[in-house]
Amino acid sequence: MFVKNTPWSLITILIVLAGLAGAGWLYLHPSGNPEKKEQGGKHINPVPVEVDVIKQGPIHLRLPFSGTLEARAEFVVSPKIGGRILSLAVDLSDIVNRG
């Protein structure tokens, strides 16, 4: 079926071509937020954040965690002379001073 060369058929063809060109432009250049950033070829939208005044108060939420603590340095305590310990005046994690 052939298209007749009439003014209406020419206008219809031009409208269809303009629509296809517009759809191609929107597909290749998506519009949207002008603040979009591109990382690695992917568009990344900014994440909205809320800002509030810093307040001082008690902590209501407590969560238990488990784990292992490791010291940065270790050393071995050994006496220079032999003998028995008669009493131990300190306990673990007690603060000791010289003398």
Protein backbone atom coordinates (compact mmCIF):
# COMPACT_ATOMS: atom_id res chain seq x y z
CA MET A 1 0.00 0.00 0.00
CA PHE A 2 1.49 3.28 -1.08
CA VAL A 3 1.01 6.63 0.62
CA LYS A 4 -0.47 9.33 -1.55
CA ASN A 5 1.38 12.63 -1.71
CA THR A 6 -1.20 14.76 0.05
CA PRO A 7 -0.53 17.50 2.59
CA TRP A 8 -2.22 15.49 5.37
CA SER A 9 -0.11 12.40 4.82
CA LEU A 10 3.06 14.54 4.85
CA ILE A 11 1.99 16.19 8.13
CA THR A 12 1.18 12.78 9.63
CA ILE A 13 4.61 11.41 8.66
CA LEU A 14 6.33 14.48 10.13
CA ILE A 15 4.41 14.12 13.43
CA VAL A 16 5.31 10.41 13.66
CA LEU A 17 8.98 11.15 12.95
CA ALA A 18 9.00 13.95 15.54
CA GLY A 19 7.43 11.61 18.09
CA LEU A 20 10.04 8.93 17.39
CA ALA A 21 12.84 11.50 17.64
CA GLY A 22 11.46 12.77 20.97
CA ALA A 23 11.14 9.23 22.35
CA GLY A 24 14.72 8.48 21.29
CA TRP A 25 15.96 11.66 22.96
CA LEU A 26 14.17 10.80 26.21
CA TYR A 27 15.56 7.26 26.11
CA LEU A 28 19.16 8.36 25.52
CA HIS A 29 19.04 11.46 27.78
CA PRO A 30 16.68 10.77 30.70
CA SER A 31 15.42 13.92 32.33
CA GLY A 32 14.95 14.22 36.05
CA ASN A 33 16.87 15.60 38.95
CA PRO A 34 19.67 17.89 37.71
CA GLU A 35 21.66 17.04 40.87
CA LYS A 36 22.07 13.41 39.80
CA LYS A 37 25.63 12.20 39.94
CA GLU A 38 27.15 9.57 37.76
CA GLN A 39 29.46 6.91 39.14
CA GLY A 40 30.74 4.10 36.99
CA GLY A 41 28.19 4.81 34.27
CA LYS A 42 25.24 4.54 36.68
CA HIS A 43 23.09 7.47 37.76
CA ILE A 44 22.99 7.89 41.54
CA ASN A 45 20.24 9.95 43.14
CA PRO A 46 21.17 11.99 46.22
CA VAL A 47 19.90 10.59 49.51
CA PRO A 48 17.75 12.95 51.57
CA VAL A 49 18.97 13.52 55.13
CA GLU A 50 17.43 15.13 58.18
CA VAL A 51 19.35 17.61 60.33
CA ASP A 52 18.56 18.20 63.99
CA VAL A 53 20.01 20.13 66.90
CA ILE A 54 22.41 18.19 69.15
CA LYS A 55 20.78 17.34 72.47
CA GLN A 56 22.34 16.04 75.66
CA GLY A 57 20.48 13.41 77.65
CA PRO A 58 20.51 9.86 78.95
CA ILE A 59 20.92 6.89 76.66
CA HIS A 60 17.77 4.81 76.63
CA LEU A 61 18.82 2.05 74.26
CA ARG A 62 21.38 -0.50 75.39
CA LEU A 63 22.48 -3.39 73.22
CA PRO A 64 24.65 -6.31 74.36
CA PHE A 65 27.56 -7.24 72.14
CA SER A 66 30.04 -10.07 72.37
CA GLY A 67 33.61 -10.17 71.15
CA THR A 68 37.22 -10.67 72.04
CA LEU A 69 39.66 -8.05 73.28
CA GLU A 70 43.29 -8.46 72.38
CA ALA A 71 46.19 -6.51 73.85
CA ARG A 72 48.55 -4.58 71.61
CA ALA A 73 51.53 -5.90 73.56
CA GLU A 74 52.18 -8.77 75.96
CA PHE A 75 55.01 -9.48 78.32
CA VAL A 76 55.94 -12.29 80.71
CA VAL A 77 56.49 -11.51 84.37
CA SER A 78 59.02 -13.82 85.95
CA PRO A 79 60.88 -13.40 89.21
CA LYS A 80 64.66 -13.24 89.39
CA ILE A 81 64.68 -15.45 92.46
CA GLY A 82 62.68 -18.54 93.39
CA GLY A 83 60.14 -18.69 96.19
CA ARG A 84 56.46 -18.88 97.13
CA ILE A 85 53.91 -16.05 97.16
CA LEU A 86 52.42 -15.76 100.65
CA SER A 87 49.74 -13.16 99.85
CA LEU A 88 48.49 -11.25 96.81
CA ALA A 89 47.37 -7.74 97.83
CA VAL A 90 45.90 -6.76 94.45
CA ASP A 91 43.34 -8.24 92.10
CA LEU A 92 43.01 -8.20 88.34
CA SER A 93 42.45 -4.69 86.92
CA ASP A 94 43.46 -2.99 90.20
CA ILE A 95 45.55 0.15 89.86
CA VAL A 96 48.97 -0.15 91.50
CA ASN A 97 51.52 2.51 92.26
CA ARG A 98 55.22 2.29 92.85
CA GLY A 99 56.12 1.41 96.45
